[in-house]
C-alpha atoms as a PDB file:
ATOM      1  CA  MET A   1      33.906 -59.328   4.597  1.00  0.00           C
ATOM      2  CA  GLN A   2      36.282 -60.102   7.413  1.00  0.00           C
ATOM      3  CA  LEU A   3      37.676 -57.389   9.635  1.00  0.00           C
ATOM      4  CA  ASN A   4      41.319 -57.444  10.622  1.00  0.00           C
ATOM      5  CA  ILE A   5      41.676 -58.427  14.262  1.00  0.00           C
ATOM      6  CA  TRP A   6      44.705 -57.196  16.181  1.00  0.00           C
ATOM      7  CA  LYS A   7      46.184 -59.957  18.273  1.00  0.00           C
ATOM      8  CA  GLU A   8      48.819 -59.686  20.952  1.00  0.00           C
ATOM      9  CA  LYS A   9      50.982 -62.216  19.097  1.00  0.00           C
ATOM     10  CA  LEU A  10      51.469 -59.590  16.354  1.00  0.00           C
ATOM     11  CA  GLU A  11      53.252 -57.253  18.742  1.00  0.00           C
ATOM     12  CA  LEU A  12      56.963 -56.726  18.223  1.00  0.00           C
ATOM     13  CA  GLY A  13      57.605 -55.373  21.696  1.00  0.00           C
ATOM     14  CA  ILE A  14      58.529 -51.980  20.235  1.00  0.00           C
ATOM     15  CA  ASP A  15      55.848 -49.607  21.498  1.00  0.00           C
ATOM     16  CA  MET A  16      56.045 -47.052  18.693  1.00  0.00           C
ATOM     17  CA  LEU A  17      55.788 -49.676  15.932  1.00  0.00           C
ATOM     18  CA  ASP A  18      53.165 -51.743  17.759  1.00  0.00           C
ATOM     19  CA  GLU A  19      50.995 -48.641  18.183  1.00  0.00           C
ATOM     20  CA  GLN A  20      51.365 -47.816  14.491  1.00  0.00           C
ATOM     21  CA  HIS A  21      50.493 -51.373  13.460  1.00  0.00           C
ATOM     22  CA  PHE A  22      47.419 -51.314  15.718  1.00  0.00           C
ATOM     23  CA  GLU A  23      46.353 -47.969  14.226  1.00  0.00           C
ATOM     24  CA  PHE A  24      46.747 -49.372  10.714  1.00  0.00           C
ATOM     25  CA  PHE A  25      44.404 -52.265  11.590  1.00  0.00           C
ATOM     26  CA  LYS A  26      41.898 -49.795  13.025  1.00  0.00           C
ATOM     27  CA  GLN A  27      41.974 -47.539   9.959  1.00  0.00           C
ATOM     28  CA  ALA A  28      41.849 -50.459   7.503  1.00  0.00           C
ATOM     29  CA  ASN A  29      38.769 -51.782   9.295  1.00  0.00           C
ATOM     30  CA  LYS A  30      37.192 -48.324   9.156  1.00  0.00           C
ATOM     31  CA  PHE A  31      37.691 -48.325   5.385  1.00  0.00           C
ATOM     32  CA  LEU A  32      36.192 -51.815   5.028  1.00  0.00           C
ATOM     33  CA  ILE A  33      33.112 -50.811   7.018  1.00  0.00           C
ATOM     34  CA  GLU A  34      32.645 -47.597   5.011  1.00  0.00           C
ATOM     35  CA  GLU A  35      32.978 -49.466   1.734  1.00  0.00           C
ATOM     36  CA  LYS A  36      30.885 -52.516   2.574  1.00  0.00           C
ATOM     37  CA  PHE A  37      28.062 -51.168   4.706  1.00  0.00           C
ATOM     38  CA  LYS A  38      27.824 -47.436   4.261  1.00  0.00           C
ATOM     39  CA  HIS A  39      28.772 -47.176   0.582  1.00  0.00           C
ATOM     40  CA  ASN A  40      30.192 -43.763   1.348  1.00  0.00           C
ATOM     41  CA  LYS A  41      32.558 -43.010  -1.536  1.00  0.00           C
ATOM     42  CA  LYS A  42      33.842 -39.757  -0.014  1.00  0.00           C
ATOM     43  CA  ALA A  43      34.708 -41.481   3.287  1.00  0.00           C
ATOM     44  CA  CYS A  44      36.399 -44.320   1.371  1.00  0.00           C
ATOM     45  CA  VAL A  45      38.564 -41.884  -0.583  1.00  0.00           C
ATOM     46  CA  GLU A  46      39.466 -40.083   2.643  1.00  0.00           C
ATOM     47  CA  SER A  47      40.370 -43.414   4.265  1.00  0.00           C
ATOM     48  CA  ILE A  48      42.555 -44.427   1.326  1.00  0.00           C
ATOM     49  CA  ASP A  49      44.294 -41.050   1.350  1.00  0.00           C
ATOM     50  CA  PHE A  50      44.913 -41.386   5.089  1.00  0.00           C
ATOM     51  CA  LEU A  51      46.170 -44.964   4.755  1.00  0.00           C
ATOM     52  CA  GLU A  52      48.527 -43.979   1.946  1.00  0.00           C
ATOM     53  CA  TYR A  53      50.041 -41.183   4.039  1.00  0.00           C
ATOM     54  CA  TYR A  54      50.059 -43.323   7.188  1.00  0.00           C
ATOM     55  CA  LEU A  55      51.811 -46.250   5.544  1.00  0.00           C
ATOM     56  CA  LEU A  56      54.473 -44.063   3.952  1.00  0.00           C
ATOM     57  CA  SER A  57      55.209 -42.404   7.273  1.00  0.00           C
ATOM     58  CA  HIS A  58      55.114 -45.764   9.083  1.00  0.00           C
ATOM     59  CA  PHE A  59      57.533 -47.442   6.674  1.00  0.00           C
ATOM     60  CA  ASN A  60      59.844 -44.458   7.033  1.00  0.00           C
ATOM     61  CA  ALA A  61      59.720 -44.835  10.834  1.00  0.00           C
ATOM     62  CA  GLU A  62      60.462 -48.561  10.535  1.00  0.00           C
ATOM     63  CA  PHE A  63      63.363 -47.836   8.172  1.00  0.00           C
ATOM     64  CA  VAL A  64      64.849 -45.297  10.591  1.00  0.00           C
ATOM     65  CA  PHE A  65      64.407 -47.728  13.482  1.00  0.00           C
ATOM     66  CA  MET A  66      65.989 -50.646  11.597  1.00  0.00           C
ATOM     67  CA  THR A  67      68.865 -48.456  10.409  1.00  0.00           C
ATOM     68  CA  LYS A  68      69.484 -47.320  13.966  1.00  0.00           C
ATOM     69  CA  ILE A  69      69.429 -50.903  15.273  1.00  0.00           C
ATOM     70  CA  SER A  70      71.699 -52.072  12.461  1.00  0.00           C
ATOM     71  CA  THR A  71      74.189 -49.277  13.113  1.00  0.00           C
ATOM     72  CA  THR A  72      74.296 -49.770  16.864  1.00  0.00           C
ATOM     73  CA  SER A  73      74.498 -53.570  16.711  1.00  0.00           C
ATOM     74  CA  GLY A  74      77.307 -53.665  14.167  1.00  0.00           C
ATOM     75  CA  VAL A  75      75.178 -55.497  11.587  1.00  0.00           C
ATOM     76  CA  PRO A  76      75.890 -54.164   8.077  1.00  0.00           C
END
């Protein structure tokens, strides 16, 4: 098993999105540890539920951000 390592080169320079990406790495690693070493099914299900909600809300935030940038920059 290999944990996901956050690297500075992954940063976009957009604080809100960078923080969300970092949090995703952290939560994904938490799931991997629970599944691989602790074999805690309940914690794994909770992690998956959290990640599902987190990703949906994150992609919505990215969509809103990209729409805003597109609208203000004149890009269709």
